[in-house]
């Protein structure tokens, strides 16, 4: 499926100290294609969604006449989740392929490794899957160097706030839950998630009775679940992306009587149901989008077209990457130039209806400069639950926000029910 991915040949690397500017004239030629690099780990669920989201957007734009008559050409590279491979791909995209912008990556350590190269090479880079707030902190702290960097996904702080915002109506008000355990993988993006959880969960009425961080290489989660059971907690609030299948399978196999929720990046893919052999039934996760819920008038059409094309539901990074390519389209149309600084100025002025909501970026000087604006009327994400479709398969049922909810919360048979529980 990914035969078109460009291999990274380590014996043909250009000098890494070269600083290249990609302005090919102030006014773009009508016949010159717009070259966009895409970097992600192809073997990963989320990585695949990045490539597919970019491909779908580019094809739609080209079929509709392109960008001021110019066609979009994608240059996809499989970075295999490695910062080293990603840096080499980014260098090659800029120096050999001479792309005009880059989108992609979902591992924060990879995105942070690429940030200095975006600055050195003056190459606009839209991060579409990573969540670390450090991405926009670089722009805030050194705008002149890092102004080419944009964060086209909710950062960890906003993700955690969304988990808390959804947990209050679903678990505190809905089930009467009072206690929670934080269970997070050790990664750059989860540190600010946990810090926000520690503040916002008590604010919504959940006492934190344990806080566990585990290695992404963990294979046996039984000791962790045994520890959680001993707390008699009502709820497990997660922060996971590198892992997802193993903890869910073992949660179900061990019939851990504690509701599993929070955010699990892998759970956003439609293949998660089969990958967990139906163990995902009952799991709730925050996601950028799911189930065709109309976060904007464009969402349902995108959702169905994606399924028709790729035979699977879009994962969260499909939405963000799709919107990022359209963001670049609007910026190129506004700038009418290949100059990186002109393109940055145009992206900064983005005010576009995307499939996730209204796309705008925080301005220079803001704490989250060049980050995707978060909030009602902008981008908030949603919470969905994996539920059986009654035919042996699973479906993603959106539960929050209320205005796009598609069904009711279901409590797994082995989980304590909440109000009136023993």
Protein backbone atom coordinates (compact mmCIF):
# COMPACT_ATOMS: atom_id res chain seq x y z
CA UNK A 1 0.00 0.00 0.00
CA UNK A 2 2.85 2.34 0.79
CA UNK A 3 5.06 1.48 -2.17
CA UNK A 4 5.30 5.16 -3.07
CA UNK A 5 7.03 6.03 0.21
CA UNK A 6 10.50 7.35 -0.35
CA UNK A 7 13.28 5.38 1.25
CA UNK A 8 15.88 7.30 3.24
CA UNK A 9 19.26 6.34 1.80
CA UNK A 10 21.90 6.98 4.41
CA UNK A 11 24.73 6.87 1.86
CA UNK A 12 23.35 9.77 -0.16
CA UNK A 13 22.79 12.30 2.60
CA UNK A 14 23.68 15.90 1.92
CA UNK A 15 25.73 17.95 4.35
CA UNK A 16 23.66 18.61 7.46
CA UNK A 17 25.26 21.99 8.07
CA UNK A 18 23.94 23.45 4.85
CA UNK A 19 21.38 26.20 5.36
CA UNK A 20 19.07 26.49 2.40
CA UNK A 21 16.40 29.03 1.59
CA UNK A 22 13.66 27.83 -0.71
CA UNK A 23 12.32 31.07 -2.13
CA UNK A 24 12.21 30.51 -5.90
CA UNK A 25 11.08 34.00 -6.70
CA UNK A 26 8.55 36.25 -5.07
CA UNK A 27 5.79 35.29 -7.49
CA UNK A 28 5.07 31.61 -8.03
CA UNK A 29 4.88 30.22 -11.54
CA UNK A 30 1.44 28.97 -12.54
CA UNK A 31 2.99 25.79 -13.94
CA UNK A 32 5.18 25.01 -10.96
CA UNK A 33 3.83 22.35 -8.58
CA UNK A 34 3.52 22.95 -4.86
CA UNK A 35 5.75 20.38 -3.17
CA UNK A 36 4.72 19.19 0.30
CA UNK A 37 6.75 16.71 2.32
CA UNK A 38 5.00 14.21 4.60
CA UNK A 39 6.88 12.49 7.44
CA UNK A 40 5.44 9.70 9.61
CA UNK A 41 6.08 6.06 10.64
CA UNK A 42 4.24 4.07 7.96
CA UNK A 43 3.91 0.88 10.02
CA UNK A 44 2.05 2.62 12.85
CA UNK A 45 -1.74 3.14 12.91
CA UNK A 46 -1.36 6.88 13.44
CA UNK A 47 1.47 7.19 10.93
CA UNK A 48 -0.65 5.53 8.27
CA UNK A 49 -3.46 7.97 9.02
CA UNK A 50 -1.10 10.93 8.43
CA UNK A 51 -0.13 9.71 4.97
CA UNK A 52 -3.74 8.95 4.08
CA UNK A 53 -5.07 12.29 5.31
CA UNK A 54 -2.48 14.18 3.25
CA UNK A 55 -3.10 12.05 0.18
CA UNK A 56 -6.84 12.57 0.31
CA UNK A 57 -6.60 16.34 0.71
CA UNK A 58 -4.02 16.72 -2.07
CA UNK A 59 -6.07 14.64 -4.50
CA UNK A 60 -9.23 16.63 -3.76
CA UNK A 61 -7.42 19.93 -4.28
CA UNK A 62 -5.80 18.79 -7.52
CA UNK A 63 -9.07 17.44 -8.92
CA UNK A 64 -10.71 20.79 -8.16
CA UNK A 65 -8.12 22.69 -10.18
CA UNK A 66 -5.23 22.93 -7.75
CA UNK A 67 -3.95 26.05 -6.00
CA UNK A 68 -4.19 29.04 -8.30
CA UNK A 69 -3.81 26.51 -11.11
CA UNK A 70 -0.83 24.75 -9.48
CA UNK A 71 -0.94 21.05 -8.62
CA UNK A 72 0.15 19.68 -5.25
CA UNK A 73 2.87 17.01 -5.23
CA UNK A 74 3.40 14.99 -2.06
CA UNK A 75 6.81 13.70 -1.01
CA UNK A 76 6.11 11.05 1.66
CA UNK A 77 8.90 9.62 3.82
CA UNK A 78 8.69 6.75 6.29
CA UNK A 79 10.72 7.88 9.31
CA UNK A 80 9.93 4.68 11.27
CA UNK A 81 9.34 6.63 14.49
CA UNK A 82 13.04 7.47 14.77
CA UNK A 83 14.22 11.06 15.39
CA UNK A 84 17.41 10.29 13.46
CA UNK A 85 15.53 8.93 10.44
CA UNK A 86 13.09 11.84 10.59
CA UNK A 87 15.88 14.43 10.60
CA UNK A 88 17.48 12.77 7.59
CA UNK A 89 14.15 12.73 5.80
CA UNK A 90 13.57 16.42 6.61
CA UNK A 91 17.02 17.35 5.32
CA UNK A 92 16.43 15.40 2.14
CA UNK A 93 13.03 16.97 1.63
CA UNK A 94 14.51 20.44 1.86
CA UNK A 95 17.86 20.02 0.18
CA UNK A 96 17.20 17.48 -2.56
CA UNK A 97 13.44 17.50 -3.11
CA UNK A 98 13.18 21.25 -2.44
CA UNK A 99 9.69 21.06 -0.99
CA UNK A 100 7.87 24.23 0.01
CA UNK A 101 6.49 22.89 3.31
CA UNK A 102 6.36 19.74 5.44
CA UNK A 103 3.47 18.18 7.37
CA UNK A 104 3.23 15.20 9.68
CA UNK A 105 4.87 13.37 12.61
CA UNK A 106 3.02 12.28 15.74
CA UNK A 107 5.81 11.38 18.18
CA UNK A 108 6.72 14.51 20.14
CA UNK A 109 10.39 13.55 20.42
CA UNK A 110 10.50 13.36 16.61
CA UNK A 111 8.77 16.71 16.11
CA UNK A 112 11.11 18.40 18.60
CA UNK A 113 14.12 16.94 16.78
CA UNK A 114 12.85 18.45 13.52
CA UNK A 115 12.03 21.89 14.95
CA UNK A 116 15.63 23.22 14.78
CA UNK A 117 15.90 22.06 11.16
CA UNK A 118 12.73 23.89 10.25
CA UNK A 119 14.36 26.99 11.73
CA UNK A 120 17.78 26.52 10.10
CA UNK A 121 16.38 25.67 6.68
CA UNK A 122 13.53 28.22 6.83
CA UNK A 123 11.14 25.47 5.83
CA UNK A 124 7.53 25.74 7.06
CA UNK A 125 6.62 22.68 9.13
CA UNK A 126 3.08 21.89 10.29
CA UNK A 127 3.07 19.30 13.09
CA UNK A 128 -0.15 17.28 12.80
CA UNK A 129 0.01 14.58 15.46
CA UNK A 130 2.44 15.39 18.26
CA UNK A 131 1.07 17.04 21.39
CA UNK A 132 4.02 18.44 23.37
CA UNK A 133 3.54 22.14 24.30
CA UNK A 134 7.31 22.52 23.89
CA UNK A 135 6.64 22.76 20.14
CA UNK A 136 4.93 26.15 20.43
CA UNK A 137 7.13 27.20 23.35
CA UNK A 138 10.02 27.31 20.87
CA UNK A 139 8.07 29.75 18.71
CA UNK A 140 7.16 31.87 21.74
CA UNK A 141 10.73 31.97 23.09
CA UNK A 142 12.54 32.59 19.78
CA UNK A 143 10.04 33.72 17.19
CA UNK A 144 12.55 34.94 14.60
CA UNK A 145 14.17 31.48 14.42
CA UNK A 146 11.15 29.23 14.94
CA UNK A 147 8.41 31.16 13.14
CA UNK A 148 8.37 28.45 10.43
CA UNK A 149 6.98 25.96 12.97
CA UNK A 150 3.21 25.47 13.43
CA UNK A 151 1.32 23.08 15.69
CA UNK A 152 -1.76 21.84 13.79
CA UNK A 153 -3.02 19.65 16.65
CA UNK A 154 -4.21 20.27 20.20
CA UNK A 155 -1.31 20.36 22.62
CA UNK A 156 -1.07 18.20 25.74
CA UNK A 157 -2.58 20.85 28.01
CA UNK A 158 -5.68 21.24 25.84
CA UNK A 159 -6.01 17.47 25.44
CA UNK A 160 -5.97 17.01 29.22
CA UNK A 161 -8.47 19.83 29.69
CA UNK A 162 -10.78 18.14 27.16
CA UNK A 163 -10.52 14.87 29.10
CA UNK A 164 -11.54 16.70 32.27
CA UNK A 165 -14.30 18.63 30.50
CA UNK A 166 -15.79 15.36 29.18
CA UNK A 167 -15.22 13.33 32.37
CA UNK A 168 -17.39 15.57 34.51
CA UNK A 169 -20.68 14.98 32.65
CA UNK A 170 -19.88 11.36 31.79
CA UNK A 171 -18.41 10.05 35.03
CA UNK A 172 -18.86 12.51 37.90
CA UNK A 173 -22.38 13.68 37.08
CA UNK A 174 -23.44 10.62 35.09
CA UNK A 175 -22.08 7.73 37.18
CA UNK A 176 -21.27 9.41 40.47
CA UNK A 177 -17.59 8.46 40.28
CA UNK A 178 -15.36 10.03 42.92
CA UNK A 179 -11.86 8.56 42.53
CA UNK A 180 -9.40 8.12 39.68
CA UNK A 181 -5.95 6.73 38.89
CA UNK A 182 -3.76 8.44 36.29
CA UNK A 183 -2.04 5.89 34.01
CA UNK A 184 0.37 7.41 31.49
CA UNK A 185 3.17 6.25 29.25
CA UNK A 186 6.56 7.88 29.77
CA UNK A 187 6.88 10.30 26.87
CA UNK A 188 7.49 13.98 26.26
CA UNK A 189 3.85 14.69 25.46
CA UNK A 190 2.44 13.04 28.60
CA UNK A 191 4.36 15.09 31.18
CA UNK A 192 2.22 18.22 30.64
CA UNK A 193 -0.86 16.00 30.27
CA UNK A 194 -0.25 14.57 33.74
CA UNK A 195 0.48 17.99 35.21
CA UNK A 196 -2.88 19.21 33.88
CA UNK A 197 -4.70 16.06 35.03
CA UNK A 198 -3.35 16.61 38.56
CA UNK A 199 -4.98 20.05 38.58
CA UNK A 200 -8.19 19.61 36.62
CA UNK A 201 -9.40 16.19 37.80
CA UNK A 202 -9.82 17.35 41.44
CA UNK A 203 -11.53 20.49 40.14
CA UNK A 204 -14.29 18.37 38.55
CA UNK A 205 -14.71 16.24 41.68
CA UNK A 206 -12.35 13.30 41.14
CA UNK A 207 -9.86 12.47 43.89
CA UNK A 208 -6.60 11.13 42.48
CA UNK A 209 -5.71 8.01 44.45
CA UNK A 210 -2.64 6.95 42.44
CA UNK A 211 -0.45 8.25 39.63
CA UNK A 212 1.38 5.69 37.50
CA UNK A 213 3.83 6.29 34.64
CA UNK A 214 4.99 3.24 32.71
CA UNK A 215 7.57 2.54 30.04
CA UNK A 216 6.23 2.31 26.46
CA UNK A 217 8.12 -1.00 26.30
CA UNK A 218 5.89 -2.50 29.00
CA UNK A 219 4.32 -5.78 27.89
CA UNK A 220 2.76 -7.15 31.08
CA UNK A 221 0.27 -4.69 32.59
CA UNK A 222 -1.09 -7.14 35.17
CA UNK A 223 1.04 -5.77 38.05
CA UNK A 224 -0.15 -2.25 37.26
CA UNK A 225 -3.79 -3.30 37.10
CA UNK A 226 -3.40 -5.22 40.39
CA UNK A 227 -2.01 -2.06 41.94
CA UNK A 228 -4.92 -0.04 40.59
CA UNK A 229 -7.49 -2.53 41.91
CA UNK A 230 -6.04 -2.21 45.40
CA UNK A 231 -6.88 1.51 45.38
CA UNK A 232 -10.57 0.68 44.81
CA UNK A 233 -10.61 3.50 42.24
CA UNK A 234 -13.64 4.18 40.08
CA UNK A 235 -11.82 5.31 36.97
CA UNK A 236 -8.53 4.97 35.09
CA UNK A 237 -7.58 8.13 33.19
CA UNK A 238 -4.94 7.31 30.58
CA UNK A 239 -2.47 9.15 28.38
CA UNK A 240 -1.19 6.70 25.75
CA UNK A 241 -0.18 6.79 22.09
CA UNK A 242 2.94 4.66 21.62
CA UNK A 243 1.04 1.75 23.20
CA UNK A 244 -2.66 0.99 23.33
CA UNK A 245 -3.54 -2.56 22.30
CA UNK A 246 -1.75 -4.47 25.09
CA UNK A 247 -3.16 -2.56 28.08
CA UNK A 248 -6.70 -2.72 26.68
CA UNK A 249 -6.50 -6.46 25.95
CA UNK A 250 -5.14 -7.17 29.44
CA UNK A 251 -7.72 -4.86 31.06
CA UNK A 252 -10.45 -6.99 29.49
CA UNK A 253 -8.75 -10.36 30.07
CA UNK A 254 -8.21 -9.56 33.76
CA UNK A 255 -11.69 -8.04 34.02
CA UNK A 256 -10.30 -5.05 35.88
CA UNK A 257 -13.38 -3.55 37.57
CA UNK A 258 -12.31 0.04 36.88
CA UNK A 259 -13.57 2.09 33.93
CA UNK A 260 -10.87 2.77 31.30
CA UNK A 261 -10.97 6.27 29.79
CA UNK A 262 -8.74 9.28 29.13
CA UNK A 263 -6.86 9.48 25.84
CA UNK A 264 -5.44 6.60 23.78
CA UNK A 265 -4.09 7.64 20.40
CA UNK A 266 -4.27 4.15 18.88
CA UNK A 267 -7.89 3.71 19.94
CA UNK A 268 -8.91 6.33 17.40
CA UNK A 269 -8.30 3.96 14.48
CA UNK A 270 -11.10 1.70 13.27
CA UNK A 271 -8.66 -1.23 13.26
CA UNK A 272 -8.37 -0.95 17.06
CA UNK A 273 -11.47 -3.11 17.57
CA UNK A 274 -9.99 -6.02 15.60
CA UNK A 275 -6.46 -5.41 16.90
CA UNK A 276 -7.74 -5.88 20.46
CA UNK A 277 -10.00 -8.80 19.48
CA UNK A 278 -13.05 -6.84 20.70
CA UNK A 279 -11.45 -6.03 24.07
CA UNK A 280 -11.91 -2.35 23.24
CA UNK A 281 -15.64 -2.71 23.96
CA UNK A 282 -16.48 -0.06 26.56
CA UNK A 283 -13.23 1.91 26.33
CA UNK A 284 -13.62 5.69 26.13
CA UNK A 285 -11.02 7.96 24.59
CA UNK A 286 -10.64 11.57 23.60
CA UNK A 287 -9.99 12.12 19.89
CA UNK A 288 -9.82 14.93 17.38
CA UNK A 289 -12.81 13.42 15.56
CA UNK A 290 -14.80 10.19 15.31
CA UNK A 291 -17.95 8.57 14.02
CA UNK A 292 -18.65 11.30 11.49
CA UNK A 293 -19.74 13.64 14.29
CA UNK A 294 -20.33 17.08 12.75
CA UNK A 295 -17.62 19.15 14.43
CA UNK A 296 -18.08 21.34 11.36
CA UNK A 297 -20.35 21.09 8.31
CA UNK A 298 -17.40 19.51 6.46
CA UNK A 299 -16.80 16.63 8.88
CA UNK A 300 -19.46 14.11 7.76
CA UNK A 301 -18.46 14.33 4.09
CA UNK A 302 -14.78 13.92 4.93
CA UNK A 303 -15.54 10.98 7.22
CA UNK A 304 -17.52 9.03 4.64
CA UNK A 305 -15.11 9.81 1.78
CA UNK A 306 -12.19 8.60 3.91
CA UNK A 307 -13.93 5.30 4.71
CA UNK A 308 -14.90 4.79 1.07
CA UNK A 309 -11.32 5.35 -0.02
CA UNK A 310 -9.26 3.60 2.65
CA UNK A 311 -11.79 1.07 4.01
CA UNK A 312 -11.20 2.21 7.59
CA UNK A 313 -12.29 5.06 9.82
CA UNK A 314 -9.93 8.02 10.09
CA UNK A 315 -7.69 8.20 13.16
CA UNK A 316 -7.18 11.58 14.82
CA UNK A 317 -4.14 12.49 12.73
CA UNK A 318 -6.09 11.91 9.52
CA UNK A 319 -8.28 14.88 10.42
CA UNK A 320 -5.43 17.16 11.43
CA UNK A 321 -3.22 16.32 8.43
CA UNK A 322 -6.11 16.71 6.01
CA UNK A 323 -6.83 20.16 7.46
CA UNK A 324 -3.12 21.06 7.39
CA UNK A 325 -2.90 20.50 3.62
CA UNK A 326 -5.96 22.71 3.14
CA UNK A 327 -4.34 25.29 5.44
CA UNK A 328 -1.33 25.33 3.12
CA UNK A 329 -3.63 25.64 0.11
CA UNK A 330 -5.23 28.76 1.60
CA UNK A 331 -1.84 30.18 2.55
CA UNK A 332 -0.38 29.68 -0.94
CA UNK A 333 -3.44 31.30 -2.48
CA UNK A 334 -3.13 34.28 -0.16
CA UNK A 335 0.64 34.68 -0.50
CA UNK A 336 0.86 33.87 -4.24
CA UNK A 337 4.51 33.23 -3.53
CA UNK A 338 6.96 30.45 -2.75
CA UNK A 339 8.85 32.61 -0.27
CA UNK A 340 8.87 30.94 3.16
CA UNK A 341 8.38 34.20 5.07
CA UNK A 342 5.40 35.14 2.88
CA UNK A 343 3.93 31.70 3.48
CA UNK A 344 4.41 31.98 7.26
CA UNK A 345 2.63 35.35 7.29
CA UNK A 346 -0.28 33.84 5.36
CA UNK A 347 -0.54 30.79 7.65
CA UNK A 348 -0.60 33.10 10.67
CA UNK A 349 -3.74 34.72 9.25
CA UNK A 350 -5.55 31.38 8.76
CA UNK A 351 -9.27 31.52 9.55
CA UNK A 352 -10.63 28.43 7.82
CA UNK A 353 -13.49 26.04 8.37
CA UNK A 354 -11.81 22.66 8.63
CA UNK A 355 -13.14 19.18 9.35
CA UNK A 356 -12.26 19.65 13.04
CA UNK A 357 -13.80 23.07 13.46
CA UNK A 358 -12.61 26.62 12.82
CA UNK A 359 -8.86 26.59 12.21
CA UNK A 360 -6.95 29.55 13.64
CA UNK A 361 -3.50 29.87 15.19
CA UNK A 362 -2.39 31.74 18.29
CA UNK A 363 -0.36 34.85 17.37
CA UNK A 364 3.24 35.80 17.98
CA UNK A 365 3.80 36.55 21.67
CA UNK A 366 1.08 34.19 22.88
CA UNK A 367 2.06 31.39 25.29
CA UNK A 368 1.10 28.89 22.56
CA UNK A 369 2.29 30.93 19.57
CA UNK A 370 1.51 29.18 16.26
CA UNK A 371 -0.54 26.57 18.12
CA UNK A 372 -4.03 25.60 17.02
CA UNK A 373 -6.57 27.69 18.92
CA UNK A 374 -8.65 25.65 21.36
CA UNK A 375 -12.15 26.31 22.63
CA UNK A 376 -15.84 26.43 21.81
CA UNK A 377 -16.38 27.64 18.27
CA UNK A 378 -12.83 26.62 17.35
CA UNK A 379 -11.39 23.14 17.92
CA UNK A 380 -12.27 21.08 21.01
CA UNK A 381 -12.08 17.43 20.05
CA UNK A 382 -14.60 14.88 21.31
CA UNK A 383 -14.92 11.79 23.50
CA UNK A 384 -16.21 8.52 22.05
CA UNK A 385 -16.76 5.01 23.35
CA UNK A 386 -16.09 1.76 21.57
CA UNK A 387 -19.37 -0.19 21.55
CA UNK A 388 -20.48 -3.43 19.90
CA UNK A 389 -22.52 -2.99 16.74
CA UNK A 390 -24.45 -6.17 17.53
CA UNK A 391 -22.97 -7.98 14.52
CA UNK A 392 -19.60 -8.94 15.94
CA UNK A 393 -17.99 -5.64 15.02
CA UNK A 394 -17.36 -2.43 16.88
CA UNK A 395 -18.37 1.16 16.37
CA UNK A 396 -17.16 4.51 17.70
CA UNK A 397 -20.05 6.22 19.48
CA UNK A 398 -19.51 9.90 20.27
CA UNK A 399 -20.64 10.81 23.82
CA UNK A 400 -19.26 14.36 24.22
CA UNK A 401 -19.76 17.25 23.48
CA UNK A 402 -23.48 16.85 24.01
CA UNK A 403 -24.40 18.71 20.82
CA UNK A 404 -22.74 16.04 18.64
CA UNK A 405 -23.40 12.99 20.86
CA UNK A 406 -24.53 9.87 19.02
CA UNK A 407 -25.57 7.60 21.89
CA UNK A 408 -25.45 6.82 25.60
CA UNK A 409 -22.54 5.71 27.77
CA UNK A 410 -22.41 1.95 28.38
CA UNK A 411 -20.75 0.41 31.46
CA UNK A 412 -18.84 -2.86 30.75
CA UNK A 413 -20.31 -5.82 32.65
CA UNK A 414 -17.18 -6.34 34.79
CA UNK A 415 -16.81 -2.65 35.71
CA UNK A 416 -18.31 -1.12 38.85
CA UNK A 417 -21.41 0.76 37.82
CA UNK A 418 -20.96 3.92 39.88
CA UNK A 419 -24.01 5.18 41.71
CA UNK A 420 -25.16 2.56 44.17
CA UNK A 421 -22.06 0.38 43.64
CA UNK A 422 -20.73 -1.85 46.39
